[in-house]
Amino acid sequence: MVIITLFSLFSFPGEDMGFINIPYLDKIAHFTFHCIILVLGTLFRRERRPNHFVKNKAILGMFLFSVAYGIVIETLQFTMPFGRAAEIWDILANLSGALFGVLLIKKYLSLIEK
């Protein structure tokens, strides 16, 4: 999370990847990252406290964390002078990734609980 936060807030020399030309690659990255946050975070909570794990509560908590984290990053990009730009489409990609993560983790947990 620390590394992702740093890459989200600061521009680095030589960062331009002009040789890779995939449309909406940054939105795909936002979607994927927030999906992973939700899935891994929920699994972490399950492993950490297996006797006190409440599936829907853990999923909701991770969903709220993921969405809040994304909004905070975008707000910081808007306010900090480090060459990053905030976009509403990034927040929507974050939200979509977190929602897809909810579907994935619910499906996974339902399969392993049988």
Protein backbone atom coordinates (compact mmCIF):
# COMPACT_ATOMS: atom_id res chain seq x y z
CA MET A 1 0.00 0.00 0.00
CA VAL A 2 2.87 2.37 0.76
CA ILE A 3 4.47 1.80 -2.64
CA ILE A 4 1.17 2.23 -4.47
CA THR A 5 0.51 5.42 -2.51
CA LEU A 6 3.92 6.83 -3.45
CA PHE A 7 3.45 5.97 -7.14
CA SER A 8 -0.02 7.52 -7.01
CA LEU A 9 1.12 10.81 -5.53
CA PHE A 10 4.53 11.53 -7.06
CA SER A 11 5.83 11.76 -10.61
CA PHE A 12 9.15 10.09 -11.29
CA PRO A 13 11.70 10.91 -14.02
CA GLY A 14 11.58 8.50 -16.94
CA GLU A 15 8.08 7.41 -16.02
CA ASP A 16 6.69 8.00 -19.52
CA MET A 17 5.90 4.63 -21.06
CA GLY A 18 5.33 5.90 -24.61
CA PHE A 19 6.22 2.50 -26.05
CA ILE A 20 3.14 1.00 -24.36
CA ASN A 21 0.01 2.36 -25.97
CA ILE A 22 -2.98 0.64 -24.35
CA PRO A 23 -6.09 2.81 -24.22
CA TYR A 24 -7.30 3.48 -20.68
CA LEU A 25 -4.40 1.55 -19.14
CA ASP A 26 -4.49 3.79 -16.06
CA LYS A 27 -8.20 3.04 -15.54
CA ILE A 28 -7.50 -0.69 -15.87
CA ALA A 29 -4.77 -0.30 -13.24
CA HIS A 30 -7.16 1.53 -10.88
CA PHE A 31 -9.83 -1.15 -11.37
CA THR A 32 -7.36 -4.00 -10.82
CA PHE A 33 -5.70 -2.46 -7.78
CA HIS A 34 -8.96 -1.82 -5.95
CA CYS A 35 -10.24 -5.28 -6.78
CA ILE A 36 -7.04 -6.72 -5.29
CA ILE A 37 -7.31 -4.47 -2.22
CA LEU A 38 -10.78 -5.81 -1.53
CA VAL A 39 -10.01 -9.50 -2.11
CA LEU A 40 -6.67 -9.63 -0.29
CA GLY A 41 -7.88 -7.40 2.53
CA THR A 42 -10.90 -9.61 3.15
CA LEU A 43 -8.78 -12.77 3.07
CA PHE A 44 -6.30 -11.15 5.46
CA ARG A 45 -9.10 -10.34 7.89
CA ARG A 46 -10.37 -13.92 7.59
CA GLU A 47 -6.96 -15.40 8.34
CA ARG A 48 -6.17 -12.96 11.13
CA ARG A 49 -9.30 -13.65 13.19
CA PRO A 50 -10.93 -16.85 11.90
CA ASN A 51 -13.13 -17.30 14.98
CA HIS A 52 -14.48 -13.75 14.75
CA PHE A 53 -14.77 -13.46 10.96
CA VAL A 54 -18.13 -12.17 9.77
CA LYS A 55 -18.07 -12.37 5.98
CA ASN A 56 -20.40 -9.51 5.08
CA LYS A 57 -18.98 -7.21 7.75
CA ALA A 58 -15.41 -7.85 6.55
CA ILE A 59 -16.36 -7.33 2.91
CA LEU A 60 -18.21 -4.11 3.69
CA GLY A 61 -15.29 -2.84 5.76
CA MET A 62 -12.81 -3.53 2.97
CA PHE A 63 -15.14 -1.99 0.39
CA LEU A 64 -15.43 1.21 2.43
CA PHE A 65 -11.65 1.25 2.99
CA SER A 66 -10.94 0.81 -0.73
CA VAL A 67 -13.35 3.55 -1.80
CA ALA A 68 -12.14 5.95 0.91
CA TYR A 69 -8.49 5.25 0.03
CA GLY A 70 -9.17 5.98 -3.64
CA ILE A 71 -10.96 9.23 -2.86
CA VAL A 72 -8.17 10.35 -0.51
CA ILE A 73 -5.53 9.62 -3.17
CA GLU A 74 -7.46 11.56 -5.81
CA THR A 75 -7.99 14.47 -3.40
CA LEU A 76 -4.27 14.53 -2.59
CA GLN A 77 -3.43 14.46 -6.30
CA PHE A 78 -5.68 17.48 -6.75
CA THR A 79 -4.14 19.44 -3.88
CA MET A 80 -0.47 18.46 -4.00
CA PRO A 81 1.94 20.06 -6.53
CA PHE A 82 3.68 16.85 -7.67
CA GLY A 83 2.52 16.64 -11.27
CA ARG A 84 -0.46 14.33 -10.75
CA ALA A 85 -4.01 15.13 -11.81
CA ALA A 86 -7.19 14.00 -10.08
CA GLU A 87 -9.94 12.53 -12.26
CA ILE A 88 -13.49 11.53 -11.49
CA TRP A 89 -13.01 8.62 -13.92
CA ASP A 90 -10.25 7.27 -11.65
CA ILE A 91 -12.66 7.28 -8.71
CA LEU A 92 -15.25 5.46 -10.83
CA ALA A 93 -12.63 2.90 -11.89
CA ASN A 94 -11.69 2.45 -8.20
CA LEU A 95 -15.34 1.95 -7.27
CA SER A 96 -15.90 -0.50 -10.13
CA GLY A 97 -12.84 -2.52 -9.13
CA ALA A 98 -13.97 -2.65 -5.50
CA LEU A 99 -17.47 -3.77 -6.55
CA PHE A 100 -16.00 -6.48 -8.78
CA GLY A 101 -13.80 -7.51 -5.83
CA VAL A 102 -16.96 -7.88 -3.73
CA LEU A 103 -18.39 -10.26 -6.32
CA LEU A 104 -15.15 -12.25 -6.55
CA ILE A 105 -14.63 -12.65 -2.81
CA LYS A 106 -18.27 -13.55 -2.18
CA LYS A 107 -18.07 -16.23 -4.87
CA TYR A 108 -14.74 -17.53 -3.56
CA LEU A 109 -15.89 -17.65 0.06
CA SER A 110 -19.13 -19.39 -0.90
CA LEU A 111 -17.14 -22.05 -2.78
CA ILE A 112 -14.71 -22.79 0.05
CA GLU A 113 -17.40 -22.79 2.74
CA LYS A 114 -19.27 -25.69 1.15
